[in-house]
PDB file of N, CA and C in Angstrom:
ATOM      1  N   UNK A   1       0.856  -1.148  -0.052  1.00  0.00           N
ATOM      2  CA  UNK A   1       0.060   0.022  -0.014  1.00  0.00           C
ATOM      3  C   UNK A   1       0.893   1.305   0.050  1.00  0.00           C
ATOM      4  N   UNK A   2       1.867   1.277   0.841  1.00  0.00           N
ATOM      5  CA  UNK A   2       2.804   2.380   0.855  1.00  0.00           C
ATOM      6  C   UNK A   2       3.473   2.574  -0.422  1.00  0.00           C
ATOM      7  N   UNK A   3       3.815   1.589  -1.200  1.00  0.00           N
ATOM      8  CA  UNK A   3       4.506   1.852  -2.491  1.00  0.00           C
ATOM      9  C   UNK A   3       3.633   2.505  -3.467  1.00  0.00           C
ATOM     10  N   UNK A   4       2.177   2.305  -3.326  1.00  0.00           N
ATOM     11  CA  UNK A   4       1.314   2.884  -4.343  1.00  0.00           C
ATOM     12  C   UNK A   4       1.348   4.477  -3.990  1.00  0.00           C
ATOM     13  N   UNK A   5       1.401   4.957  -2.722  1.00  0.00           N
ATOM     14  CA  UNK A   5       1.522   6.259  -2.420  1.00  0.00           C
ATOM     15  C   UNK A   5       2.817   6.866  -2.970  1.00  0.00           C
ATOM     16  N   UNK A   6       3.884   6.213  -2.784  1.00  0.00           N
ATOM     17  CA  UNK A   6       5.230   6.832  -3.379  1.00  0.00           C
ATOM     18  C   UNK A   6       5.099   6.930  -4.762  1.00  0.00           C
ATOM     19  N   UNK A   7       4.587   5.787  -5.509  1.00  0.00           N
ATOM     20  CA  UNK A   7       4.557   5.908  -6.992  1.00  0.00           C
ATOM     21  C   UNK A   7       3.684   7.031  -7.422  1.00  0.00           C
ATOM     22  N   UNK A   8       2.476   7.138  -6.773  1.00  0.00           N
ATOM     23  CA  UNK A   8       1.621   8.339  -7.144  1.00  0.00           C
ATOM     24  C   UNK A   8       2.337   9.725  -6.960  1.00  0.00           C
ATOM     25  N   UNK A   9       3.067   9.851  -5.894  1.00  0.00           N
ATOM     26  CA  UNK A   9       3.830  11.047  -5.732  1.00  0.00           C
ATOM     27  C   UNK A   9       5.030  11.310  -6.823  1.00  0.00           C
ATOM     28  N   UNK A  10       5.554  10.203  -7.168  1.00  0.00           N
ATOM     29  CA  UNK A  10       6.592  10.178  -8.171  1.00  0.00           C
ATOM     30  C   UNK A  10       5.871  10.425  -9.523  1.00  0.00           C
ATOM     31  N   UNK A  11       4.769   9.921  -9.894  1.00  0.00           N
ATOM     32  CA  UNK A  11       4.079  10.190 -11.012  1.00  0.00           C
ATOM     33  C   UNK A  11       3.703  11.674 -11.066  1.00  0.00           C
ATOM     34  N   UNK A  12       3.181  12.199 -10.079  1.00  0.00           N
ATOM     35  CA  UNK A  12       2.744  13.481 -10.002  1.00  0.00           C
ATOM     36  C   UNK A  12       3.949  14.541 -10.272  1.00  0.00           C
ATOM     37  N   UNK A  13       5.062  14.197  -9.650  1.00  0.00           N
ATOM     38  CA  UNK A  13       6.239  15.127 -10.095  1.00  0.00           C
ATOM     39  C   UNK A  13       6.686  14.912 -11.492  1.00  0.00           C
ATOM     40  N   UNK A  14       6.670  13.783 -11.945  1.00  0.00           N
ATOM     41  CA  UNK A  14       7.073  13.473 -13.404  1.00  0.00           C
ATOM     42  C   UNK A  14       6.092  14.176 -14.392  1.00  0.00           C
ATOM     43  N   UNK A  15       4.787  14.059 -14.120  1.00  0.00           N
ATOM     44  CA  UNK A  15       3.751  14.628 -15.008  1.00  0.00           C
ATOM     45  C   UNK A  15       3.919  16.221 -14.842  1.00  0.00           C
ATOM     46  N   UNK A  16       4.194  16.756 -13.726  1.00  0.00           N
ATOM     47  CA  UNK A  16       4.284  18.223 -13.554  1.00  0.00           C
ATOM     48  C   UNK A  16       5.434  18.638 -14.430  1.00  0.00           C
ATOM     49  N   UNK A  17       6.537  17.955 -14.379  1.00  0.00           N
ATOM     50  CA  UNK A  17       7.812  18.313 -15.131  1.00  0.00           C
ATOM     51  C   UNK A  17       7.476  18.124 -16.572  1.00  0.00           C
ATOM     52  N   UNK A  18       6.891  16.965 -17.054  1.00  0.00           N
ATOM     53  CA  UNK A  18       6.473  16.862 -18.428  1.00  0.00           C
ATOM     54  C   UNK A  18       5.631  18.187 -18.857  1.00  0.00           C
ATOM     55  N   UNK A  19       4.570  18.417 -18.074  1.00  0.00           N
ATOM     56  CA  UNK A  19       3.800  19.748 -18.454  1.00  0.00           C
ATOM     57  C   UNK A  19       4.531  20.910 -18.548  1.00  0.00           C
ATOM     58  N   UNK A  20       5.391  21.150 -17.667  1.00  0.00           N
ATOM     59  CA  UNK A  20       6.324  22.430 -17.718  1.00  0.00           C
ATOM     60  C   UNK A  20       7.247  22.350 -19.101  1.00  0.00           C
ATOM     61  N   UNK A  21       7.759  21.143 -19.393  1.00  0.00           N
ATOM     62  CA  UNK A  21       8.602  21.023 -20.572  1.00  0.00           C
ATOM     63  C   UNK A  21       7.641  21.132 -21.837  1.00  0.00           C
ATOM     64  N   UNK A  22       6.535  20.654 -21.750  1.00  0.00           N
ATOM     65  CA  UNK A  22       5.539  20.781 -23.006  1.00  0.00           C
ATOM     66  C   UNK A  22       5.223  22.322 -23.079  1.00  0.00           C
ATOM     67  N   UNK A  23       4.921  22.987 -22.154  1.00  0.00           N
ATOM     68  CA  UNK A  23       4.535  24.361 -22.104  1.00  0.00           C
ATOM     69  C   UNK A  23       5.705  25.178 -22.734  1.00  0.00           C
ATOM     70  N   UNK A  24       6.931  24.865 -22.241  1.00  0.00           N
ATOM     71  CA  UNK A  24       8.120  25.681 -22.729  1.00  0.00           C
ATOM     72  C   UNK A  24       8.511  25.276 -24.093  1.00  0.00           C
ATOM     73  N   UNK A  25       8.100  24.165 -24.588  1.00  0.00           N
ATOM     74  CA  UNK A  25       8.368  23.746 -26.053  1.00  0.00           C
ATOM     75  C   UNK A  25       7.855  24.622 -26.964  1.00  0.00           C
ATOM     76  N   UNK A  26       6.730  25.344 -26.658  1.00  0.00           N
ATOM     77  CA  UNK A  26       6.149  26.249 -27.637  1.00  0.00           C
ATOM     78  C   UNK A  26       6.966  27.508 -27.892  1.00  0.00           C
ATOM     79  N   UNK A  27       7.925  27.765 -27.004  1.00  0.00           N
ATOM     80  CA  UNK A  27       8.837  29.009 -27.218  1.00  0.00           C
ATOM     81  C   UNK A  27      10.172  28.549 -27.680  1.00  0.00           C
ATOM     82  N   UNK A  28      10.414  27.238 -27.835  1.00  0.00           N
ATOM     83  CA  UNK A  28      11.748  26.836 -28.256  1.00  0.00           C
ATOM     84  C   UNK A  28      11.626  26.249 -29.760  1.00  0.00           C
ATOM     85  N   UNK A  29      10.473  26.234 -30.211  1.00  0.00           N
ATOM     86  CA  UNK A  29      10.368  25.610 -31.731  1.00  0.00           C
ATOM     87  C   UNK A  29       9.940  26.712 -32.624  1.00  0.00           C
ATOM     88  N   UNK A  30      10.824  26.994 -33.593  1.00  0.00           N
ATOM     89  CA  UNK A  30      10.462  28.094 -34.604  1.00  0.00           C
ATOM     90  C   UNK A  30       9.147  27.876 -35.253  1.00  0.00           C
ATOM     91  N   UNK A  31       8.698  26.721 -35.611  1.00  0.00           N
ATOM     92  CA  UNK A  31       7.449  26.551 -36.289  1.00  0.00           C
ATOM     93  C   UNK A  31       6.245  26.828 -35.398  1.00  0.00           C
ATOM     94  N   UNK A  32       6.407  26.418 -34.112  1.00  0.00           N
ATOM     95  CA  UNK A  32       5.275  26.759 -33.098  1.00  0.00           C
ATOM     96  C   UNK A  32       5.425  28.266 -32.840  1.00  0.00           C
ATOM     97  N   UNK A  33       6.431  28.849 -32.758  1.00  0.00           N
ATOM     98  CA  UNK A  33       6.452  30.247 -32.489  1.00  0.00           C
ATOM     99  C   UNK A  33       5.868  31.065 -33.625  1.00  0.00           C
ATOM    100  N   UNK A  34       6.212  30.765 -34.801  1.00  0.00           N
ATOM    101  CA  UNK A  34       5.703  31.494 -35.928  1.00  0.00           C
ATOM    102  C   UNK A  34       4.185  31.229 -36.202  1.00  0.00           C
ATOM    103  N   UNK A  35       3.648  30.115 -35.707  1.00  0.00           N
ATOM    104  CA  UNK A  35       2.249  29.722 -35.735  1.00  0.00           C
ATOM    105  C   UNK A  35       1.497  29.837 -34.463  1.00  0.00           C
ATOM    106  N   UNK A  36       2.012  30.553 -33.423  1.00  0.00           N
ATOM    107  CA  UNK A  36       1.639  30.454 -32.014  1.00  0.00           C
ATOM    108  C   UNK A  36      -0.004  30.645 -32.014  1.00  0.00           C
ATOM    109  N   UNK A  37      -0.538  31.441 -32.988  1.00  0.00           N
ATOM    110  CA  UNK A  37      -1.939  31.705 -32.859  1.00  0.00           C
ATOM    111  C   UNK A  37      -2.775  30.294 -32.955  1.00  0.00           C
ATOM    112  N   UNK A  38      -2.277  29.412 -33.713  1.00  0.00           N
ATOM    113  CA  UNK A  38      -2.832  28.078 -33.823  1.00  0.00           C
ATOM    114  C   UNK A  38      -2.553  27.267 -32.604  1.00  0.00           C
ATOM    115  N   UNK A  39      -1.509  27.375 -32.017  1.00  0.00           N
ATOM    116  CA  UNK A  39      -1.099  26.511 -30.825  1.00  0.00           C
ATOM    117  C   UNK A  39      -1.409  27.233 -29.542  1.00  0.00           C
ATOM    118  N   UNK A  40      -1.755  28.480 -29.508  1.00  0.00           N
ATOM    119  CA  UNK A  40      -2.055  29.172 -28.265  1.00  0.00           C
ATOM    120  C   UNK A  40      -2.995  28.480 -27.419  1.00  0.00           C
ATOM    121  N   UNK A  41      -4.204  28.027 -27.792  1.00  0.00           N
ATOM    122  CA  UNK A  41      -5.099  27.358 -26.971  1.00  0.00           C
ATOM    123  C   UNK A  41      -4.503  26.053 -26.338  1.00  0.00           C
ATOM    124  N   UNK A  42      -3.719  25.399 -27.019  1.00  0.00           N
ATOM    125  CA  UNK A  42      -3.044  24.155 -26.323  1.00  0.00           C
ATOM    126  C   UNK A  42      -2.074  24.793 -25.266  1.00  0.00           C
ATOM    127  N   UNK A  43      -1.335  25.629 -25.599  1.00  0.00           N
ATOM    128  CA  UNK A  43      -0.268  26.119 -24.613  1.00  0.00           C
ATOM    129  C   UNK A  43      -1.039  26.715 -23.405  1.00  0.00           C
ATOM    130  N   UNK A  44      -2.063  27.415 -23.581  1.00  0.00           N
ATOM    131  CA  UNK A  44      -2.860  28.036 -22.561  1.00  0.00           C
ATOM    132  C   UNK A  44      -3.519  26.979 -21.629  1.00  0.00           C
ATOM    133  N   UNK A  45      -4.029  25.882 -22.293  1.00  0.00           N
ATOM    134  CA  UNK A  45      -4.634  24.911 -21.590  1.00  0.00           C
ATOM    135  C   UNK A  45      -3.600  24.101 -20.712  1.00  0.00           C
ATOM    136  N   UNK A  46      -2.421  23.984 -21.196  1.00  0.00           N
ATOM    137  CA  UNK A  46      -1.336  23.423 -20.426  1.00  0.00           C
ATOM    138  C   UNK A  46      -1.101  24.202 -19.172  1.00  0.00           C
ATOM    139  N   UNK A  47      -1.086  25.674 -19.301  1.00  0.00           N
ATOM    140  CA  UNK A  47      -0.639  26.388 -18.312  1.00  0.00           C
ATOM    141  C   UNK A  47      -1.962  26.369 -17.202  1.00  0.00           C
ATOM    142  N   UNK A  48      -3.068  26.232 -17.702  1.00  0.00           N
ATOM    143  CA  UNK A  48      -4.211  26.010 -16.731  1.00  0.00           C
ATOM    144  C   UNK A  48      -4.058  24.814 -15.950  1.00  0.00           C
ATOM    145  N   UNK A  49      -3.604  23.630 -16.536  1.00  0.00           N
ATOM    146  CA  UNK A  49      -3.506  22.449 -15.914  1.00  0.00           C
ATOM    147  C   UNK A  49      -2.237  22.494 -14.880  1.00  0.00           C
ATOM    148  N   UNK A  50      -1.152  23.132 -15.225  1.00  0.00           N
ATOM    149  CA  UNK A  50      -0.118  23.495 -14.327  1.00  0.00           C
ATOM    150  C   UNK A  50      -0.522  24.115 -13.121  1.00  0.00           C
ATOM    151  N   UNK A  51      -1.484  25.039 -13.157  1.00  0.00           N
ATOM    152  CA  UNK A  51      -2.005  25.731 -11.965  1.00  0.00           C
ATOM    153  C   UNK A  51      -2.883  24.707 -11.093  1.00  0.00           C
ATOM    154  N   UNK A  52      -3.408  23.704 -11.779  1.00  0.00           N
ATOM    155  CA  UNK A  52      -4.052  22.565 -11.013  1.00  0.00           C
ATOM    156  C   UNK A  52      -3.078  21.924 -10.039  1.00  0.00           C
ATOM    157  N   UNK A  53      -1.918  21.763 -10.498  1.00  0.00           N
ATOM    158  CA  UNK A  53      -0.843  21.194  -9.654  1.00  0.00           C
ATOM    159  C   UNK A  53      -0.529  22.137  -8.416  1.00  0.00           C
ATOM    160  N   UNK A  54      -0.458  23.457  -8.698  1.00  0.00           N
ATOM    161  CA  UNK A  54      -0.137  24.456  -7.613  1.00  0.00           C
ATOM    162  C   UNK A  54      -1.147  24.438  -6.695  1.00  0.00           C
ATOM    163  N   UNK A  55      -2.501  24.242  -7.113  1.00  0.00           N
ATOM    164  CA  UNK A  55      -3.572  24.340  -6.112  1.00  0.00           C
ATOM    165  C   UNK A  55      -4.033  22.990  -5.626  1.00  0.00           C
ATOM    166  N   UNK A  56      -3.289  22.035  -6.094  1.00  0.00           N
ATOM    167  CA  UNK A  56      -3.609  20.521  -5.737  1.00  0.00           C
ATOM    168  C   UNK A  56      -5.066  20.163  -5.975  1.00  0.00           C
ATOM    169  N   UNK A  57      -5.683  20.609  -7.115  1.00  0.00           N
ATOM    170  CA  UNK A  57      -6.978  20.425  -7.475  1.00  0.00           C
ATOM    171  C   UNK A  57      -7.086  19.240  -8.495  1.00  0.00           C
ATOM    172  N   UNK A  58      -6.853  17.998  -8.058  1.00  0.00           N
ATOM    173  CA  UNK A  58      -6.884  16.849  -8.958  1.00  0.00           C
ATOM    174  C   UNK A  58      -6.016  16.861 -10.228  1.00  0.00           C
ATOM    175  N   UNK A  59      -4.842  17.219  -9.959  1.00  0.00           N
ATOM    176  CA  UNK A  59      -3.922  17.486 -11.209  1.00  0.00           C
ATOM    177  C   UNK A  59      -3.772  16.419 -12.092  1.00  0.00           C
ATOM    178  N   UNK A  60      -3.626  15.117 -11.687  1.00  0.00           N
ATOM    179  CA  UNK A  60      -3.476  14.140 -12.535  1.00  0.00           C
ATOM    180  C   UNK A  60      -4.701  13.811 -13.353  1.00  0.00           C
ATOM    181  N   UNK A  61      -5.934  14.035 -12.779  1.00  0.00           N
ATOM    182  CA  UNK A  61      -7.157  13.857 -13.520  1.00  0.00           C
ATOM    183  C   UNK A  61      -7.294  14.882 -14.570  1.00  0.00           C
ATOM    184  N   UNK A  62      -6.878  16.165 -14.238  1.00  0.00           N
ATOM    185  CA  UNK A  62      -6.962  17.139 -15.253  1.00  0.00           C
ATOM    186  C   UNK A  62      -5.981  16.980 -16.276  1.00  0.00           C
ATOM    187  N   UNK A  63      -4.809  16.359 -15.947  1.00  0.00           N
ATOM    188  CA  UNK A  63      -3.949  16.139 -17.026  1.00  0.00           C
ATOM    189  C   UNK A  63      -4.317  15.155 -17.910  1.00  0.00           C
ATOM    190  N   UNK A  64      -5.119  14.101 -17.530  1.00  0.00           N
ATOM    191  CA  UNK A  64      -5.684  13.139 -18.284  1.00  0.00           C
ATOM    192  C   UNK A  64      -6.742  13.781 -19.335  1.00  0.00           C
ATOM    193  N   UNK A  65      -7.528  14.735 -18.788  1.00  0.00           N
ATOM    194  CA  UNK A  65      -8.520  15.449 -19.646  1.00  0.00           C
ATOM    195  C   UNK A  65      -7.636  16.327 -20.692  1.00  0.00           C
ATOM    196  N   UNK A  66      -6.578  16.902 -20.189  1.00  0.00           N
ATOM    197  CA  UNK A  66      -5.566  17.749 -21.153  1.00  0.00           C
ATOM    198  C   UNK A  66      -5.210  16.778 -22.333  1.00  0.00           C
ATOM    199  N   UNK A  67      -4.810  15.669 -22.037  1.00  0.00           N
ATOM    200  CA  UNK A  67      -4.278  14.753 -23.142  1.00  0.00           C
ATOM    201  C   UNK A  67      -5.414  14.404 -24.124  1.00  0.00           C
ATOM    202  N   UNK A  68      -6.572  14.378 -23.700  1.00  0.00           N
ATOM    203  CA  UNK A  68      -7.699  14.211 -24.740  1.00  0.00           C
ATOM    204  C   UNK A  68      -8.040  15.465 -25.348  1.00  0.00           C
ATOM    205  N   UNK A  69      -7.878  16.552 -24.739  1.00  0.00           N
ATOM    206  CA  UNK A  69      -8.185  17.913 -25.248  1.00  0.00           C
ATOM    207  C   UNK A  69      -7.134  18.170 -26.425  1.00  0.00           C
ATOM    208  N   UNK A  70      -5.717  17.866 -25.998  1.00  0.00           N
ATOM    209  CA  UNK A  70      -4.672  18.190 -27.067  1.00  0.00           C
ATOM    210  C   UNK A  70      -4.835  17.156 -28.186  1.00  0.00           C
ATOM    211  N   UNK A  71      -5.233  15.921 -28.029  1.00  0.00           N
ATOM    212  CA  UNK A  71      -5.433  15.070 -29.141  1.00  0.00           C
ATOM    213  C   UNK A  71      -6.588  15.516 -30.053  1.00  0.00           C
ATOM    214  N   UNK A  72      -7.705  16.092 -29.441  1.00  0.00           N
ATOM    215  CA  UNK A  72      -8.771  16.588 -30.265  1.00  0.00           C
ATOM    216  C   UNK A  72      -8.347  17.826 -30.991  1.00  0.00           C
ATOM    217  N   UNK A  73      -7.728  18.792 -30.420  1.00  0.00           N
ATOM    218  CA  UNK A  73      -7.235  19.946 -30.997  1.00  0.00           C
ATOM    219  C   UNK A  73      -6.233  19.702 -32.185  1.00  0.00           C
ATOM    220  N   UNK A  74      -5.335  18.860 -31.962  1.00  0.00           N
ATOM    221  CA  UNK A  74      -4.442  18.442 -33.055  1.00  0.00           C
ATOM    222  C   UNK A  74      -5.120  17.765 -34.239  1.00  0.00           C
ATOM    223  N   UNK A  75      -6.022  16.897 -33.931  1.00  0.00           N
ATOM    224  CA  UNK A  75      -6.811  16.279 -35.087  1.00  0.00           C
ATOM    225  C   UNK A  75      -7.835  17.234 -35.709  1.00  0.00           C
ATOM    226  N   UNK A  76      -8.608  17.958 -35.083  1.00  0.00           N
ATOM    227  CA  UNK A  76      -9.575  18.863 -35.654  1.00  0.00           C
ATOM    228  C   UNK A  76      -8.841  19.995 -36.340  1.00  0.00           C
ATOM    229  N   UNK A  77      -7.793  20.493 -35.925  1.00  0.00           N
ATOM    230  CA  UNK A  77      -7.141  21.710 -36.517  1.00  0.00           C
ATOM    231  C   UNK A  77      -5.885  21.293 -37.433  1.00  0.00           C
ATOM    232  N   UNK A  78      -5.667  20.015 -37.527  1.00  0.00           N
ATOM    233  CA  UNK A  78      -4.579  19.524 -38.390  1.00  0.00           C
ATOM    234  C   UNK A  78      -3.234  20.201 -37.945  1.00  0.00           C
ATOM    235  N   UNK A  79      -2.939  20.195 -36.676  1.00  0.00           N
ATOM    236  CA  UNK A  79      -1.800  20.704 -36.105  1.00  0.00           C
ATOM    237  C   UNK A  79      -0.613  19.618 -36.027  1.00  0.00           C
ATOM    238  N   UNK A  80       0.600  20.157 -36.049  1.00  0.00           N
ATOM    239  CA  UNK A  80       1.802  19.289 -35.964  1.00  0.00           C
ATOM    240  C   UNK A  80       2.516  19.445 -34.651  1.00  0.00           C
ATOM    241  N   UNK A  81       2.721  18.394 -33.917  1.00  0.00           N
ATOM    242  CA  UNK A  81       3.518  18.392 -32.747  1.00  0.00           C
ATOM    243  C   UNK A  81       4.863  17.928 -33.166  1.00  0.00           C
ATOM    244  N   UNK A  82       5.927  18.517 -32.486  1.00  0.00           N
ATOM    245  CA  UNK A  82       7.380  18.203 -32.649  1.00  0.00           C
ATOM    246  C   UNK A  82       7.486  16.782 -32.130  1.00  0.00           C
ATOM    247  N   UNK A  83       8.655  16.232 -32.517  1.00  0.00           N
ATOM    248  CA  UNK A  83       9.005  14.918 -31.899  1.00  0.00           C
ATOM    249  C   UNK A  83       9.113  14.902 -30.358  1.00  0.00           C
ATOM    250  N   UNK A  84       9.532  16.018 -29.795  1.00  0.00           N
ATOM    251  CA  UNK A  84       9.754  16.027 -28.392  1.00  0.00           C
ATOM    252  C   UNK A  84       8.392  16.189 -27.695  1.00  0.00           C
ATOM    253  N   UNK A  85       7.477  17.013 -28.361  1.00  0.00           N
ATOM    254  CA  UNK A  85       6.155  17.167 -27.877  1.00  0.00           C
ATOM    255  C   UNK A  85       5.350  15.772 -27.989  1.00  0.00           C
ATOM    256  N   UNK A  86       5.539  15.057 -29.091  1.00  0.00           N
ATOM    257  CA  UNK A  86       4.906  13.760 -29.195  1.00  0.00           C
ATOM    258  C   UNK A  86       5.373  12.753 -28.162  1.00  0.00           C
ATOM    259  N   UNK A  87       6.633  12.889 -27.855  1.00  0.00           N
ATOM    260  CA  UNK A  87       7.362  11.978 -26.685  1.00  0.00           C
ATOM    261  C   UNK A  87       6.575  12.410 -25.352  1.00  0.00           C
ATOM    262  N   UNK A  88       6.461  13.753 -25.079  1.00  0.00           N
ATOM    263  CA  UNK A  88       5.896  14.118 -23.765  1.00  0.00           C
ATOM    264  C   UNK A  88       4.336  13.657 -23.762  1.00  0.00           C
ATOM    265  N   UNK A  89       3.689  13.717 -24.892  1.00  0.00           N
ATOM    266  CA  UNK A  89       2.333  13.257 -25.019  1.00  0.00           C
ATOM    267  C   UNK A  89       2.293  11.730 -24.648  1.00  0.00           C
ATOM    268  N   UNK A  90       3.068  10.945 -25.166  1.00  0.00           N
ATOM    269  CA  UNK A  90       3.208   9.469 -24.909  1.00  0.00           C
ATOM    270  C   UNK A  90       3.357   9.260 -23.382  1.00  0.00           C
ATOM    271  N   UNK A  91       4.322  10.038 -22.809  1.00  0.00           N
ATOM    272  CA  UNK A  91       4.560   9.946 -21.437  1.00  0.00           C
ATOM    273  C   UNK A  91       3.285  10.251 -20.628  1.00  0.00           C
ATOM    274  N   UNK A  92       2.635  11.368 -20.917  1.00  0.00           N
ATOM    275  CA  UNK A  92       1.438  11.893 -20.212  1.00  0.00           C
ATOM    276  C   UNK A  92       0.373  10.868 -20.469  1.00  0.00           C
ATOM    277  N   UNK A  93       0.237  10.138 -21.513  1.00  0.00           N
ATOM    278  CA  UNK A  93      -0.914   9.137 -21.759  1.00  0.00           C
ATOM    279  C   UNK A  93      -0.561   8.005 -20.808  1.00  0.00           C
ATOM    280  N   UNK A  94       0.734   7.592 -20.798  1.00  0.00           N
ATOM    281  CA  UNK A  94       0.991   6.435 -19.907  1.00  0.00           C
ATOM    282  C   UNK A  94       0.707   6.662 -18.420  1.00  0.00           C
ATOM    283  N   UNK A  95       1.147   7.910 -17.964  1.00  0.00           N
ATOM    284  CA  UNK A  95       0.882   8.143 -16.554  1.00  0.00           C
ATOM    285  C   UNK A  95      -0.501   8.405 -16.262  1.00  0.00           C
ATOM    286  N   UNK A  96      -1.433   8.744 -17.100  1.00  0.00           N
ATOM    287  CA  UNK A  96      -2.752   9.186 -16.618  1.00  0.00           C
ATOM    288  C   UNK A  96      -3.883   8.275 -17.293  1.00  0.00           C
ATOM    289  N   UNK A  97      -3.503   7.223 -17.905  1.00  0.00           N
ATOM    290  CA  UNK A  97      -4.474   6.460 -18.611  1.00  0.00           C
ATOM    291  C   UNK A  97      -5.479   5.757 -17.703  1.00  0.00           C
ATOM    292  N   UNK A  98      -5.304   5.386 -16.406  1.00  0.00           N
ATOM    293  CA  UNK A  98      -6.184   4.654 -15.667  1.00  0.00           C
ATOM    294  C   UNK A  98      -6.834   5.526 -14.552  1.00  0.00           C
ATOM    295  N   UNK A  99      -6.920   6.687 -14.759  1.00  0.00           N
ATOM    296  CA  UNK A  99      -7.502   7.644 -13.778  1.00  0.00           C
ATOM    297  C   UNK A  99      -8.987   7.768 -13.952  1.00  0.00           C
ATOM    298  N   UNK A 100      -9.552   7.917 -12.741  1.00  0.00           N
ATOM    299  CA  UNK A 100     -11.025   8.139 -12.796  1.00  0.00           C
ATOM    300  C   UNK A 100     -11.325   9.623 -13.009  1.00  0.00           C
ATOM    301  N   UNK A 101     -12.141   9.926 -14.065  1.00  0.00           N
ATOM    302  CA  UNK A 101     -12.406  11.232 -14.353  1.00  0.00           C
ATOM    303  C   UNK A 101     -13.845  11.647 -13.932  1.00  0.00           C
ATOM    304  N   UNK A 102     -14.453  10.936 -13.106  1.00  0.00           N
ATOM    305  CA  UNK A 102     -15.978  11.148 -12.912  1.00  0.00           C
ATOM    306  C   UNK A 102     -16.171  12.454 -12.156  1.00  0.00           C
ATOM    307  N   UNK A 103     -15.159  12.941 -11.423  1.00  0.00           N
ATOM    308  CA  UNK A 103     -15.449  14.183 -10.788  1.00  0.00           C
ATOM    309  C   UNK A 103     -14.690  15.371 -11.093  1.00  0.00           C
ATOM    310  N   UNK A 104     -14.060  15.399 -12.306  1.00  0.00           N
ATOM    311  CA  UNK A 104     -13.625  16.643 -12.904  1.00  0.00           C
ATOM    312  C   UNK A 104     -14.615  17.206 -13.868  1.00  0.00           C
ATOM    313  N   UNK A 105     -14.609  18.464 -13.963  1.00  0.00           N
ATOM    314  CA  UNK A 105     -15.699  19.213 -14.766  1.00  0.00           C
ATOM    315  C   UNK A 105     -15.572  18.638 -16.191  1.00  0.00           C
ATOM    316  N   UNK A 106     -16.761  18.354 -16.700  1.00  0.00           N
ATOM    317  CA  UNK A 106     -16.790  17.922 -18.072  1.00  0.00           C
ATOM    318  C   UNK A 106     -17.435  18.992 -19.010  1.00  0.00           C
ATOM    319  N   UNK A 107     -16.941  19.121 -20.144  1.00  0.00           N
ATOM    320  CA  UNK A 107     -17.268  20.041 -21.217  1.00  0.00           C
ATOM    321  C   UNK A 107     -16.962  19.406 -22.541  1.00  0.00           C
ATOM    322  N   UNK A 108     -17.263  20.091 -23.547  1.00  0.00           N
ATOM    323  CA  UNK A 108     -16.907  19.528 -24.832  1.00  0.00           C
ATOM    324  C   UNK A 108     -15.370  19.284 -24.981  1.00  0.00           C
ATOM    325  N   UNK A 109     -15.030  18.201 -25.557  1.00  0.00           N
ATOM    326  CA  UNK A 109     -13.587  17.719 -25.502  1.00  0.00           C
ATOM    327  C   UNK A 109     -12.612  18.746 -26.060  1.00  0.00           C
ATOM    328  N   UNK A 110     -13.093  19.622 -26.975  1.00  0.00           N
ATOM    329  CA  UNK A 110     -12.168  20.722 -27.550  1.00  0.00           C
ATOM    330  C   UNK A 110     -12.332  21.998 -26.974  1.00  0.00           C
ATOM    331  N   UNK A 111     -12.974  22.068 -25.779  1.00  0.00           N
ATOM    332  CA  UNK A 111     -13.197  23.400 -24.991  1.00  0.00           C
ATOM    333  C   UNK A 111     -12.187  23.533 -23.915  1.00  0.00           C
ATOM    334  N   UNK A 112     -11.397  24.583 -23.886  1.00  0.00           N
ATOM    335  CA  UNK A 112     -10.436  24.732 -22.738  1.00  0.00           C
ATOM    336  C   UNK A 112     -11.103  25.291 -21.524  1.00  0.00           C
ATOM    337  N   UNK A 113     -12.495  25.478 -21.527  1.00  0.00           N
ATOM    338  CA  UNK A 113     -13.224  25.787 -20.407  1.00  0.00           C
ATOM    339  C   UNK A 113     -13.278  24.682 -19.279  1.00  0.00           C
ATOM    340  N   UNK A 114     -12.916  23.557 -19.697  1.00  0.00           N
ATOM    341  CA  UNK A 114     -12.882  22.365 -18.675  1.00  0.00           C
ATOM    342  C   UNK A 114     -11.704  22.488 -17.766  1.00  0.00           C
ATOM    343  N   UNK A 115     -10.773  23.360 -17.983  1.00  0.00           N
ATOM    344  CA  UNK A 115      -9.659  23.630 -17.076  1.00  0.00           C
ATOM    345  C   UNK A 115      -9.676  24.682 -16.292  1.00  0.00           C
ATOM    346  N   UNK A 116     -10.771  25.572 -16.469  1.00  0.00           N
ATOM    347  CA  UNK A 116     -10.843  26.851 -15.652  1.00  0.00           C
ATOM    348  C   UNK A 116     -11.522  26.655 -14.451  1.00  0.00           C
ATOM    349  N   UNK A 117     -11.113  27.136 -13.313  1.00  0.00           N
ATOM    350  CA  UNK A 117     -11.677  27.040 -12.023  1.00  0.00           C
ATOM    351  C   UNK A 117     -13.101  27.581 -12.076  1.00  0.00           C
ATOM    352  N   UNK A 118     -14.009  26.762 -11.541  1.00  0.00           N
ATOM    353  CA  UNK A 118     -15.438  27.150 -11.548  1.00  0.00           C
ATOM    354  C   UNK A 118     -15.729  27.945 -10.278  1.00  0.00           C
TER     355      UNK A 118
END
């Protein structure tokens, strides 16, 4: 039982670091910088989920919702993620795929409103 608690804390720290790296990646890639208007909703949603970690408001659950949001935005808007961003997405998917989302705010999958504090 104790191992589960430590693993959860380790996952939380790793997910937080992945989100920070993902957020910062939009400033270090020239394609993303030149097309920031198309990528801004994703970047801003990542920032909102990072705030969930700071306020301890179900951060892993919101990260799981964020993964679905990013996948929807990328598919619907024909966006391109860099190889590093794709790697981060795979890490986030692995770390958050078995979480219960029943108590986080639900809204349309492509709406950033789901990450705003109500």
